[in-house]
Amino acid sequence: MSFRQNHLLGIETLAPDEIVTILDLADRYAELERGDNKHGDALKGLTQINMFFEASTRTQASFELAGKRLGADVMNMAMAASSLKKGETLIDTALTLNAMHPDLLVVRHPHSGAVNLLAEKVNCAVLNAGDGKHEHPTQALLDALTIRRAKGRLHRLNIAICGDIAHSRVARSNILLLGKMENRIRLIGPPTLMPAGVSEWGVEMYDDMQAGLAGCDVVMMLRLQKERMDGAFIPSEREYYHRFGLDAEKLSAAKDDAIVMHPGPMNRGVEIDGTIADDINRSVIQEQVKMGVAVRMAAMDLLAQNLRARRAEKGAQA
C-alpha cells in the first residue's frame, strides 16, 4: 500500500496510486460495514476533533461514525457558536487545538485555503471536509468508489458533471480525481455557472443536456448552491429545471446502463426529477452515502498510520 500524505487537504496533491490505495482499503471497510461487527481498532487511543465552521449534516455524521467505528475518541466542536464569534482568529484556534493534543482534525470552512492554513499550524493529521469553493476530497473519493463498484473500473469512462459547477468544490475535486484516473469528463450547465478558466481544465463543455449526456456512463448532478451566489445566475428554478434538471427524457441520451449520482442534499424538481433519484436501477445516490463512511474510515486509518510512523521516528531521534 502506498500512501505518503501527512494530511488529506485535496485531490490535487494525491498521486493515482495513492487514490487506489484509499479506494482499496475503503472497499474492505465497506464489506466490514455489511457484517455484524462493524468495529475496528485502527484509531484506538487517538483523539479526533471535528471542527465544522459551516453547517453540515451528512459529512459531519459520516466522519463521526467513521472515527467511532475505528475506536477513536471523537469530539465535535460547534464552531459557529464558539470563540470565533468572540473574535478569535484561525491561528489562535490552531494554537488552542495544539494544547489539546488531537491526533486527527477534520475541518470544514467557508473560505478556500483556510484548512491548508490550519494544517501548517497544528501538530496532527488534518482532513479537509470542504473549504469554500476549493475542494472536498472525501466526497470525490466516495464518488470514485461508488463508480468503481457500479462499473467495475474507474478509467476510460465518459462522465458528465452537470449543473452549478462554478460554486462547487465537489465538482472541482471530482474533475481532478477523475482526470487523474484517465476518464473523459464533460461539464454541462449554463455559461453563468461555469467557473473562470474552465477551458484550461482538459474537459469538454456543453450548455445542452441532450448533447452533453450522449453516450455517457455516469451522470453526476450537482446542487444549486444558492448560498454562494451573489446575484442572479439563473432566470428561475423552473426555467433551470426545464433546461438542466435531470428527467427521463434527458437521461435517455446517456447509455442504457448509465448511473445517476448526486452529492446531496438534493433539490428535487430543480436539479433532478424525484422518480430518477429514487430509481434503484439507475440511481446510486444511497450507495454514495454508504460509501462515505467507508472512505472516511480508510482516509483516517492511512493518515493515522503515517502519523504514528512520524512520531516513532521523532521519538527514536530524541
Protein backbone atom coordinates (compact mmCIF):
# COMPACT_ATOMS: atom_id res chain seq x y z
CA MET A 1 0.00 0.00 0.00
CA SER A 2 1.38 3.38 -0.96
CA PHE A 3 0.10 6.47 0.80
CA ARG A 4 2.65 9.16 1.52
CA GLN A 5 0.49 12.05 2.75
CA ASN A 6 0.57 13.68 6.19
CA HIS A 7 -2.80 15.37 5.57
CA LEU A 8 -5.74 14.99 3.19
CA LEU A 9 -6.25 18.58 2.05
CA GLY A 10 -7.32 17.96 -1.53
CA ILE A 11 -7.18 15.62 -4.50
CA GLU A 12 -4.65 17.87 -6.24
CA THR A 13 -1.70 16.52 -4.19
CA LEU A 14 -2.67 12.82 -4.49
CA ALA A 15 -0.96 10.52 -6.99
CA PRO A 16 -3.09 7.90 -8.83
CA ASP A 17 -1.54 5.05 -6.77
CA GLU A 18 -2.50 6.86 -3.53
CA ILE A 19 -6.08 7.24 -4.76
CA VAL A 20 -6.19 3.49 -5.49
CA THR A 21 -4.75 2.72 -2.02
CA ILE A 22 -7.56 4.70 -0.33
CA LEU A 23 -10.25 3.11 -2.51
CA ASP A 24 -8.94 -0.44 -1.97
CA LEU A 25 -8.94 -0.01 1.81
CA ALA A 26 -12.36 1.69 1.70
CA ASP A 27 -13.68 -1.29 -0.28
CA ARG A 28 -12.60 -3.57 2.57
CA TYR A 29 -14.25 -1.29 5.14
CA ALA A 30 -17.45 -1.23 3.04
CA GLU A 31 -17.57 -5.04 3.28
CA LEU A 32 -16.97 -4.82 7.05
CA GLU A 33 -19.97 -2.46 7.28
CA ARG A 34 -22.21 -5.24 5.97
CA GLY A 35 -21.28 -7.64 8.77
CA ASP A 36 -22.43 -7.74 12.37
CA ASN A 37 -19.13 -6.50 13.78
CA LYS A 38 -18.58 -3.08 12.25
CA HIS A 39 -15.78 -2.02 14.58
CA GLY A 40 -12.01 -1.96 14.13
CA ASP A 41 -9.20 -0.58 16.27
CA ALA A 42 -7.08 1.35 13.74
CA LEU A 43 -7.64 4.62 15.64
CA LYS A 44 -7.66 3.18 19.16
CA GLY A 45 -6.10 5.62 21.63
CA LEU A 46 -6.28 8.53 19.17
CA THR A 47 -8.38 11.69 19.50
CA GLN A 48 -10.37 13.01 16.54
CA ILE A 49 -11.76 16.55 16.63
CA ASN A 50 -14.43 17.61 14.11
CA MET A 51 -14.43 21.38 13.54
CA PHE A 52 -17.24 22.50 11.26
CA PHE A 53 -17.26 26.27 10.67
CA GLU A 54 -20.11 25.66 8.19
CA ALA A 55 -23.32 23.73 8.81
CA SER A 56 -23.19 20.08 7.74
CA THR A 57 -25.36 17.07 8.41
CA ARG A 58 -24.19 14.10 6.36
CA THR A 59 -20.45 14.88 6.18
CA GLN A 60 -20.11 15.54 9.91
CA ALA A 61 -22.20 12.47 10.84
CA SER A 62 -20.17 10.35 8.41
CA PHE A 63 -16.79 11.46 9.85
CA GLU A 64 -18.05 10.98 13.41
CA LEU A 65 -19.31 7.48 12.65
CA ALA A 66 -16.07 6.59 10.80
CA GLY A 67 -13.94 7.66 13.78
CA LYS A 68 -16.07 5.78 16.30
CA ARG A 69 -16.10 2.63 14.18
CA LEU A 70 -12.28 2.64 14.29
CA GLY A 71 -12.07 3.24 18.04
CA ALA A 72 -11.13 6.94 18.17
CA ASP A 73 -12.25 9.35 20.89
CA VAL A 74 -14.38 11.72 18.81
CA MET A 75 -15.20 15.28 19.81
CA ASN A 76 -17.40 17.70 17.84
CA MET A 77 -16.67 21.40 18.25
CA ALA A 78 -19.62 23.65 17.36
CA MET A 79 -17.55 26.38 15.77
CA ALA A 80 -20.47 28.56 14.72
CA ALA A 81 -21.24 29.27 18.38
CA SER A 82 -17.63 29.32 19.56
CA SER A 83 -14.76 31.72 20.18
CA LEU A 84 -14.81 32.79 16.53
CA LYS A 85 -17.94 34.74 17.33
CA LYS A 86 -15.87 36.39 20.04
CA GLY A 87 -13.19 37.42 17.55
CA GLU A 88 -10.65 34.57 17.78
CA THR A 89 -8.52 34.17 14.64
CA LEU A 90 -7.87 30.89 12.85
CA ILE A 91 -4.25 30.92 14.08
CA ASP A 92 -5.38 31.31 17.70
CA THR A 93 -7.79 28.43 17.18
CA ALA A 94 -4.87 26.32 15.91
CA LEU A 95 -2.75 27.15 18.98
CA THR A 96 -5.65 26.27 21.28
CA LEU A 97 -6.05 22.97 19.46
CA ASN A 98 -2.35 22.14 19.80
CA ALA A 99 -2.71 22.48 23.56
CA MET A 100 -5.42 19.77 23.45
CA HIS A 101 -3.10 17.33 21.57
CA PRO A 102 -5.54 15.95 18.98
CA ASP A 103 -4.33 13.31 16.51
CA LEU A 104 -6.85 13.83 13.72
CA LEU A 105 -8.52 17.11 12.87
CA VAL A 106 -11.49 17.20 10.46
CA VAL A 107 -12.23 20.72 9.24
CA ARG A 108 -14.93 22.32 7.11
CA HIS A 109 -14.60 26.06 6.47
CA PRO A 110 -16.44 28.60 4.28
CA HIS A 111 -13.18 30.11 2.98
CA SER A 112 -10.96 28.45 0.40
CA GLY A 113 -7.47 27.71 1.75
CA ALA A 114 -8.40 28.00 5.45
CA VAL A 115 -7.91 24.26 6.03
CA ASN A 116 -4.43 24.39 4.43
CA LEU A 117 -3.52 27.25 6.78
CA LEU A 118 -4.65 25.26 9.83
CA ALA A 119 -2.67 22.22 8.64
CA GLU A 120 0.53 24.30 8.70
CA LYS A 121 -0.03 25.31 12.32
CA VAL A 122 -1.20 22.14 14.08
CA ASN A 123 0.76 19.05 15.14
CA CYS A 124 -1.68 16.44 13.84
CA ALA A 125 -3.17 14.99 10.65
CA VAL A 126 -5.75 17.30 9.04
CA LEU A 127 -8.61 16.21 6.78
CA ASN A 128 -10.40 18.74 4.60
CA ALA A 129 -14.19 18.24 4.86
CA GLY A 130 -14.78 21.05 2.36
CA ASP A 131 -13.29 24.55 2.13
CA GLY A 132 -15.21 27.28 0.30
CA LYS A 133 -15.29 26.68 -3.46
CA HIS A 134 -11.89 24.95 -3.34
CA GLU A 135 -12.02 21.19 -2.63
CA HIS A 136 -13.98 18.41 -0.95
CA PRO A 137 -11.61 15.42 -1.29
CA THR A 138 -13.54 12.75 0.64
CA GLN A 139 -16.66 13.43 -1.45
CA ALA A 140 -14.68 12.88 -4.67
CA LEU A 141 -13.18 9.68 -3.21
CA LEU A 142 -16.56 8.27 -2.18
CA ASP A 143 -17.94 9.16 -5.63
CA ALA A 144 -14.98 7.36 -7.22
CA LEU A 145 -15.56 4.27 -5.05
CA THR A 146 -19.27 4.28 -5.93
CA ILE A 147 -18.43 4.47 -9.66
CA ARG A 148 -15.79 1.73 -9.39
CA ARG A 149 -18.18 -0.62 -7.56
CA ALA A 150 -21.02 0.04 -10.03
CA LYS A 151 -18.95 -0.06 -13.23
CA GLY A 152 -16.13 -2.44 -12.25
CA ARG A 153 -13.48 0.13 -13.22
CA LEU A 154 -12.52 3.77 -12.74
CA HIS A 155 -10.81 4.57 -16.04
CA ARG A 156 -11.85 5.34 -19.62
CA LEU A 157 -15.43 6.16 -18.68
CA ASN A 158 -17.49 9.03 -20.11
CA ILE A 159 -18.56 11.08 -17.09
CA ALA A 160 -20.89 14.08 -17.21
CA ILE A 161 -20.89 16.59 -14.32
CA CYS A 162 -23.99 18.76 -14.60
CA GLY A 163 -25.24 21.98 -13.04
CA ASP A 164 -23.68 24.57 -10.77
CA ILE A 165 -20.01 23.91 -11.46
CA ALA A 166 -18.81 27.46 -10.66
CA HIS A 167 -19.68 27.28 -6.94
CA SER A 168 -19.00 23.57 -6.42
CA ARG A 169 -15.97 22.24 -4.52
CA VAL A 170 -17.37 18.75 -5.21
CA ALA A 171 -17.09 19.36 -8.97
CA ARG A 172 -13.52 20.63 -8.65
CA SER A 173 -12.35 17.63 -6.60
CA ASN A 174 -14.15 15.20 -8.91
CA ILE A 175 -12.67 16.77 -12.05
CA LEU A 176 -9.18 16.43 -10.54
CA LEU A 177 -9.68 12.82 -9.41
CA LEU A 178 -11.47 11.52 -12.50
CA GLY A 179 -8.92 13.28 -14.72
CA LYS A 180 -6.01 11.63 -12.88
CA MET A 181 -7.70 8.25 -13.44
CA GLU A 182 -7.92 8.88 -17.23
CA ASN A 183 -11.64 9.43 -17.73
CA ARG A 184 -13.32 11.65 -20.29
CA ILE A 185 -15.09 14.45 -18.43
CA ARG A 186 -17.91 16.62 -19.74
CA LEU A 187 -19.23 19.65 -17.89
CA ILE A 188 -22.82 20.58 -18.64
CA GLY A 189 -24.51 23.76 -17.42
CA PRO A 190 -25.41 27.35 -18.26
CA PRO A 191 -22.40 29.58 -19.09
CA THR A 192 -23.18 31.68 -15.97
CA LEU A 193 -22.48 28.61 -13.79
CA MET A 194 -19.14 27.67 -15.41
CA PRO A 195 -16.02 28.76 -13.50
CA ALA A 196 -13.47 31.17 -14.94
CA GLY A 197 -10.62 29.44 -16.79
CA VAL A 198 -12.57 26.19 -17.19
CA SER A 199 -11.40 25.85 -20.80
CA GLU A 200 -7.90 25.05 -19.47
CA TRP A 201 -9.06 22.12 -17.32
CA GLY A 202 -8.90 19.49 -20.06
CA VAL A 203 -12.66 18.90 -20.07
CA GLU A 204 -15.42 19.18 -22.68
CA MET A 205 -18.12 21.82 -22.14
CA TYR A 206 -21.78 21.78 -23.13
CA ASP A 207 -24.76 24.02 -22.44
CA ASP A 208 -27.23 21.45 -23.77
CA MET A 209 -28.10 18.37 -21.69
CA GLN A 210 -29.08 16.07 -24.60
CA ALA A 211 -25.82 16.71 -26.48
CA GLY A 212 -23.67 16.54 -23.34
CA LEU A 213 -25.18 13.30 -22.00
CA ALA A 214 -24.93 11.41 -25.31
CA GLY A 215 -23.13 8.10 -24.67
CA CYS A 216 -22.28 8.85 -21.02
CA ASP A 217 -21.58 6.06 -18.47
CA VAL A 218 -22.02 8.28 -15.40
CA VAL A 219 -24.30 11.28 -14.86
CA MET A 220 -23.32 13.34 -11.83
CA MET A 221 -25.79 16.07 -10.84
CA LEU A 222 -24.80 18.98 -8.60
CA ARG A 223 -26.79 21.05 -6.14
CA LEU A 224 -27.61 24.65 -7.00
CA GLN A 225 -25.56 26.45 -4.33
CA LYS A 226 -27.79 29.43 -3.79
CA GLU A 227 -26.00 30.34 -0.54
CA ARG A 228 -22.77 31.02 -2.51
CA MET A 229 -24.45 33.06 -5.25
CA ASP A 230 -24.49 36.83 -5.04
CA GLY A 231 -26.68 37.95 -7.91
CA ALA A 232 -28.86 36.22 -10.49
CA PHE A 233 -27.10 33.26 -12.12
CA ILE A 234 -30.27 31.60 -13.43
CA PRO A 235 -33.56 33.12 -14.69
CA SER A 236 -35.67 30.96 -12.33
CA GLU A 237 -35.62 27.47 -10.79
CA ARG A 238 -38.43 26.42 -13.11
CA GLU A 239 -36.51 27.53 -16.19
CA TYR A 240 -33.34 25.85 -14.81
CA TYR A 241 -35.16 22.53 -14.33
CA HIS A 242 -36.61 22.74 -17.83
CA ARG A 243 -33.13 23.11 -19.38
CA PHE A 244 -30.74 21.42 -16.95
CA GLY A 245 -32.77 19.34 -14.49
CA LEU A 246 -32.34 15.58 -15.00
CA ASP A 247 -35.53 13.85 -16.10
CA ALA A 248 -36.23 10.62 -18.00
CA GLU A 249 -36.20 12.36 -21.38
CA LYS A 250 -32.75 13.92 -20.89
CA LEU A 251 -31.34 10.76 -19.29
CA SER A 252 -32.37 8.73 -22.35
CA ALA A 253 -29.47 10.37 -24.26
CA ALA A 254 -26.95 8.61 -21.95
CA LYS A 255 -26.08 4.90 -22.18
CA ASP A 256 -28.82 2.46 -21.14
CA ASP A 257 -26.76 1.35 -18.13
CA ALA A 258 -25.64 4.87 -17.11
CA ILE A 259 -25.69 5.51 -13.37
CA VAL A 260 -27.06 8.68 -11.76
CA MET A 261 -25.26 10.39 -8.86
CA HIS A 262 -25.85 13.41 -6.60
CA PRO A 263 -23.68 14.52 -3.65
CA GLY A 264 -26.76 15.68 -1.67
CA PRO A 265 -28.66 17.42 -0.31
CA MET A 266 -30.95 17.27 -3.35
CA ASN A 267 -33.41 19.86 -4.56
CA ARG A 268 -36.00 17.56 -6.15
CA GLY A 269 -37.72 19.14 -9.11
CA VAL A 270 -34.84 21.62 -9.55
CA GLU A 271 -31.69 19.59 -10.34
CA ILE A 272 -33.26 16.17 -10.61
CA ASP A 273 -36.67 14.55 -11.01
CA GLY A 274 -37.61 12.63 -7.85
CA THR A 275 -38.51 9.47 -9.78
CA ILE A 276 -35.00 9.36 -11.31
CA ALA A 277 -33.38 9.95 -7.90
CA ASP A 278 -35.35 7.02 -6.44
CA ASP A 279 -34.93 4.62 -9.40
CA ILE A 280 -32.99 1.70 -7.90
CA ASN A 281 -31.87 0.55 -11.36
CA ARG A 282 -30.19 3.85 -12.25
CA SER A 283 -29.60 5.90 -9.10
CA VAL A 284 -26.62 5.16 -6.81
CA ILE A 285 -27.31 8.14 -4.53
CA GLN A 286 -27.94 5.97 -1.44
CA GLU A 287 -24.81 3.94 -2.25
CA GLN A 288 -22.81 7.20 -2.21
CA VAL A 289 -23.95 7.86 1.37
CA LYS A 290 -22.94 4.32 2.42
CA MET A 291 -19.51 4.66 0.80
CA GLY A 292 -18.95 7.94 2.67
CA VAL A 293 -18.31 6.21 5.99
CA ALA A 294 -16.02 3.56 4.42
CA VAL A 295 -13.92 6.16 2.54
CA ARG A 296 -13.51 8.32 5.64
CA MET A 297 -12.51 5.28 7.70
CA ALA A 298 -9.86 4.43 5.09
CA ALA A 299 -8.51 8.00 4.87
CA MET A 300 -8.21 8.37 8.66
CA ASP A 301 -6.67 4.90 9.03
CA LEU A 302 -3.94 5.69 6.44
CA LEU A 303 -3.22 9.14 7.90
CA ALA A 304 -3.03 7.66 11.41
CA GLN A 305 -0.51 5.04 10.24
CA ASN A 306 1.71 7.82 8.81
CA LEU A 307 1.24 9.95 11.93
CA ARG A 308 2.33 7.11 14.21
CA ALA A 309 5.33 6.38 11.97
CA ARG A 310 6.43 10.06 12.10
CA ARG A 311 6.06 10.17 15.88
CA ALA A 312 8.02 6.93 16.30
CA GLU A 313 10.79 8.36 14.11
CA LYS A 314 10.88 11.56 16.19
CA GLY A 315 10.98 9.51 19.38
CA ALA A 316 13.91 7.46 18.07
CA GLN A 317 15.83 10.63 17.20
CA ALA A 318 15.18 12.29 20.57
